[in-house]
Amino acid sequence: MTADRWLVAGLGNPGPGYAANRHNAGFLTADVLAARAGARFKASKYRALAADGRLAGRSVTIIKPVTFMNESGGPVAGFSGFYRLGAGQVVVVHDELDLPFGTVRLKLGGGDNGHNGLRSVTSRLGTREYYRARIGIGRPPGRMDPAVYVLRDFAAPERAELPLVLERAADAVEMLLADGLAAAQNTFHP
């Protein structure tokens, strides 16, 4: 096990048609983190774009699975196995319906709450005990199906705020790596 290395997986769907969807909040945060690490995404053998660099004094591999959301676990398990990482060295960054838009929350473990990407990661890692950086996208309006809502682009007022939300999510991931979960939660949870 390599104690200094972390895997940060931003979840989303590949392709330009999904790029600005709410479901791609994880991909968008991964882009911010890679820029901060001075790293470029490259194709890899584990069906993900991967960027290697340093964040918060740690070696990190930041990935964006090029599978669809419901198969995100394969690339996460591939990289964690390659680097011999324990689940406690994996951070999954994802959208969260049950948090108001713009809210950022960190946690270790828990259920998938109907999120197919988390369900896949949990299944492939064989444990729920990995870190999650959750980015609030809010609930769908009225009776809109959540599956339709997450595949819609962010609304104009949300798009105006989104860069700040993504920076905050990236800050939370970096603080988690640098100072641990409790310290990061104290800073990012009101």
Protein backbone atom coordinates (compact mmCIF):
# COMPACT_ATOMS: atom_id res chain seq x y z
CA MET A 1 0.00 0.00 0.00
CA THR A 2 1.33 3.44 -0.93
CA ALA A 3 0.42 5.68 1.99
CA ASP A 4 1.20 8.97 0.23
CA ARG A 5 -0.87 8.32 -2.90
CA TRP A 6 -4.56 9.12 -3.32
CA LEU A 7 -7.06 8.43 -6.07
CA VAL A 8 -9.61 11.16 -6.76
CA ALA A 9 -12.40 10.05 -9.08
CA GLY A 10 -14.73 12.66 -10.53
CA LEU A 11 -17.92 10.98 -11.71
CA GLY A 12 -19.81 11.94 -14.84
CA ASN A 13 -20.75 10.83 -18.34
CA PRO A 14 -18.37 11.12 -21.29
CA GLY A 15 -18.99 13.13 -24.42
CA PRO A 16 -19.90 16.71 -25.32
CA GLY A 17 -23.65 16.08 -25.00
CA TYR A 18 -23.26 15.53 -21.25
CA ALA A 19 -20.48 18.04 -20.53
CA ALA A 20 -22.62 20.69 -18.79
CA ASN A 21 -25.11 18.30 -17.11
CA ARG A 22 -25.72 18.38 -13.38
CA HIS A 23 -24.63 14.73 -13.28
CA ASN A 24 -21.16 15.86 -14.42
CA ALA A 25 -20.35 17.94 -11.34
CA GLY A 26 -17.68 15.36 -10.46
CA PHE A 27 -16.01 15.63 -13.88
CA LEU A 28 -16.05 19.43 -13.64
CA THR A 29 -14.42 19.35 -10.19
CA ALA A 30 -11.81 16.87 -11.47
CA ASP A 31 -10.91 19.43 -14.15
CA VAL A 32 -10.33 22.10 -11.47
CA LEU A 33 -8.20 19.71 -9.39
CA ALA A 34 -6.09 18.65 -12.39
CA ALA A 35 -5.47 22.32 -13.28
CA ARG A 36 -4.37 23.00 -9.69
CA ALA A 37 -2.01 20.00 -9.84
CA GLY A 38 -0.61 21.21 -13.18
CA ALA A 39 -1.62 17.85 -14.65
CA ARG A 40 -3.13 16.93 -18.02
CA PHE A 41 -5.67 14.18 -18.56
CA LYS A 42 -4.51 11.30 -20.76
CA ALA A 43 -6.19 8.09 -21.89
CA SER A 44 -5.40 5.07 -19.70
CA LYS A 45 -5.85 1.33 -19.83
CA TYR A 46 -8.51 1.45 -17.10
CA ARG A 47 -11.21 3.15 -19.22
CA ALA A 48 -10.65 6.57 -17.69
CA LEU A 49 -8.88 9.80 -18.45
CA ALA A 50 -6.15 10.14 -15.81
CA ALA A 51 -4.00 13.02 -14.59
CA ASP A 52 -1.08 12.48 -12.21
CA GLY A 53 0.23 15.26 -10.02
CA ARG A 54 0.47 16.59 -6.50
CA LEU A 55 -2.26 18.21 -4.40
CA ALA A 56 -1.96 19.23 -0.77
CA GLY A 57 1.52 17.68 -0.65
CA ARG A 58 0.23 14.26 -1.74
CA SER A 59 0.71 12.27 -4.92
CA VAL A 60 -2.66 12.04 -6.63
CA THR A 61 -4.15 10.39 -9.64
CA ILE A 62 -7.29 12.23 -10.71
CA ILE A 63 -9.57 10.25 -12.99
CA LYS A 64 -12.68 10.79 -15.09
CA PRO A 65 -14.11 7.39 -16.09
CA VAL A 66 -14.99 7.25 -19.80
CA THR A 67 -17.54 4.55 -19.08
CA PHE A 68 -21.00 5.84 -18.41
CA MET A 69 -21.95 6.75 -14.84
CA ASN A 70 -23.43 3.33 -14.00
CA GLU A 71 -20.08 1.64 -14.78
CA SER A 72 -17.79 4.08 -12.94
CA GLY A 73 -16.67 1.39 -10.50
CA GLY A 74 -14.53 -0.48 -13.02
CA PRO A 75 -12.06 2.37 -13.61
CA VAL A 76 -12.00 3.29 -9.88
CA ALA A 77 -11.24 -0.33 -8.94
CA GLY A 78 -8.67 -0.61 -11.75
CA PHE A 79 -6.65 2.36 -10.53
CA SER A 80 -6.98 1.56 -6.82
CA GLY A 81 -5.79 -1.99 -7.56
CA PHE A 82 -2.90 -0.81 -9.73
CA TYR A 83 -1.62 1.53 -7.00
CA ARG A 84 -2.58 -0.93 -4.21
CA LEU A 85 -4.67 1.72 -2.48
CA GLY A 86 -7.01 1.02 0.38
CA ALA A 87 -10.57 2.35 0.13
CA GLY A 88 -9.52 5.05 2.63
CA GLN A 89 -7.24 6.52 -0.07
CA VAL A 90 -10.06 6.94 -2.57
CA VAL A 91 -12.16 10.11 -2.91
CA VAL A 92 -15.20 9.99 -5.19
CA VAL A 93 -16.53 13.40 -6.26
CA HIS A 94 -20.18 13.34 -7.33
CA ASP A 95 -23.43 15.24 -7.71
CA GLU A 96 -25.96 14.97 -4.87
CA LEU A 97 -29.72 15.51 -5.32
CA ASP A 98 -30.41 15.73 -1.59
CA LEU A 99 -28.22 18.80 -1.05
CA PRO A 100 -29.21 22.31 -2.13
CA PHE A 101 -27.40 23.61 -5.21
CA GLY A 102 -23.89 24.74 -4.38
CA THR A 103 -23.56 22.90 -1.08
CA VAL A 104 -20.38 20.87 -0.64
CA ARG A 105 -20.24 18.03 1.89
CA LEU A 106 -17.60 15.42 2.71
CA LYS A 107 -18.13 12.02 4.27
CA LEU A 108 -16.63 8.59 4.65
CA GLY A 109 -18.80 5.62 3.73
CA GLY A 110 -22.57 5.50 3.53
CA GLY A 111 -25.14 4.26 1.05
CA ASP A 112 -25.50 5.15 -2.60
CA ASN A 113 -28.83 6.99 -2.17
CA GLY A 114 -29.93 5.85 -5.64
CA HIS A 115 -26.77 7.22 -7.31
CA ASN A 116 -25.75 4.67 -9.96
CA GLY A 117 -22.14 5.83 -10.02
CA LEU A 118 -21.75 5.26 -6.27
CA ARG A 119 -23.54 1.92 -6.53
CA SER A 120 -21.02 0.82 -9.17
CA VAL A 121 -18.00 2.05 -7.18
CA THR A 122 -19.20 0.33 -4.00
CA SER A 123 -19.84 -2.90 -5.90
CA ARG A 124 -16.43 -2.94 -7.59
CA LEU A 125 -14.43 -1.86 -4.51
CA GLY A 126 -16.37 -4.31 -2.34
CA THR A 127 -16.82 -1.69 0.38
CA ARG A 128 -18.66 1.56 1.12
CA GLU A 129 -15.74 2.88 3.17
CA TYR A 130 -14.31 5.38 0.70
CA TYR A 131 -14.49 9.16 0.90
CA ARG A 132 -17.15 11.12 -0.93
CA ALA A 133 -17.11 14.78 -1.88
CA ARG A 134 -20.77 15.55 -2.55
CA ILE A 135 -21.78 18.55 -4.65
CA GLY A 136 -25.36 19.66 -4.17
CA ILE A 137 -27.45 20.01 -7.31
CA GLY A 138 -30.85 20.30 -5.57
CA ARG A 139 -34.04 18.37 -6.16
CA PRO A 140 -35.88 18.42 -9.49
CA PRO A 141 -38.77 20.86 -9.76
CA GLY A 142 -42.33 19.59 -9.44
CA ARG A 143 -42.72 15.99 -10.48
CA MET A 144 -39.75 15.86 -12.84
CA ASP A 145 -38.06 12.47 -12.84
CA PRO A 146 -34.68 12.75 -11.04
CA ALA A 147 -33.11 10.67 -13.85
CA VAL A 148 -34.17 13.37 -16.34
CA TYR A 149 -33.14 16.23 -14.04
CA VAL A 150 -29.54 15.05 -13.50
CA LEU A 151 -29.02 14.80 -17.27
CA ARG A 152 -30.14 18.40 -17.82
CA ASP A 153 -27.64 21.24 -18.03
CA PHE A 154 -27.31 23.58 -15.08
CA ALA A 155 -29.80 26.46 -15.27
CA ALA A 156 -28.48 29.96 -16.14
CA PRO A 157 -28.40 31.25 -12.53
CA GLU A 158 -26.61 28.05 -11.46
CA ARG A 159 -24.11 28.37 -14.32
CA ALA A 160 -23.20 31.85 -13.06
CA GLU A 161 -22.40 30.42 -9.60
CA LEU A 162 -20.92 27.11 -10.77
CA PRO A 163 -17.24 28.17 -11.05
CA LEU A 164 -17.27 29.18 -7.36
CA VAL A 165 -19.01 25.94 -6.37
CA LEU A 166 -16.41 23.88 -8.24
CA GLU A 167 -13.55 25.82 -6.61
CA ARG A 168 -15.12 25.20 -3.20
CA ALA A 169 -15.49 21.47 -3.96
CA ALA A 170 -11.83 21.35 -5.05
CA ASP A 171 -10.82 23.21 -1.87
CA ALA A 172 -12.72 20.62 0.18
CA VAL A 173 -10.95 17.71 -1.54
CA GLU A 174 -7.55 19.34 -1.03
CA MET A 175 -8.26 19.98 2.66
CA LEU A 176 -9.42 16.37 3.08
CA LEU A 177 -6.08 15.19 1.64
CA ALA A 178 -4.02 17.65 3.69
CA ASP A 179 -5.76 17.70 7.07
CA GLY A 180 -8.17 14.75 7.21
CA LEU A 181 -11.93 14.40 7.24
CA ALA A 182 -12.78 16.04 10.59
CA ALA A 183 -10.85 19.22 9.86
CA ALA A 184 -12.28 19.48 6.34
CA GLN A 185 -15.82 18.91 7.61
CA ASN A 186 -15.36 21.60 10.27
CA THR A 187 -14.38 24.05 7.55
CA PHE A 188 -16.88 23.12 4.84
CA HIS A 189 -19.96 22.12 6.86
CA PRO A 190 -21.79 25.04 8.51
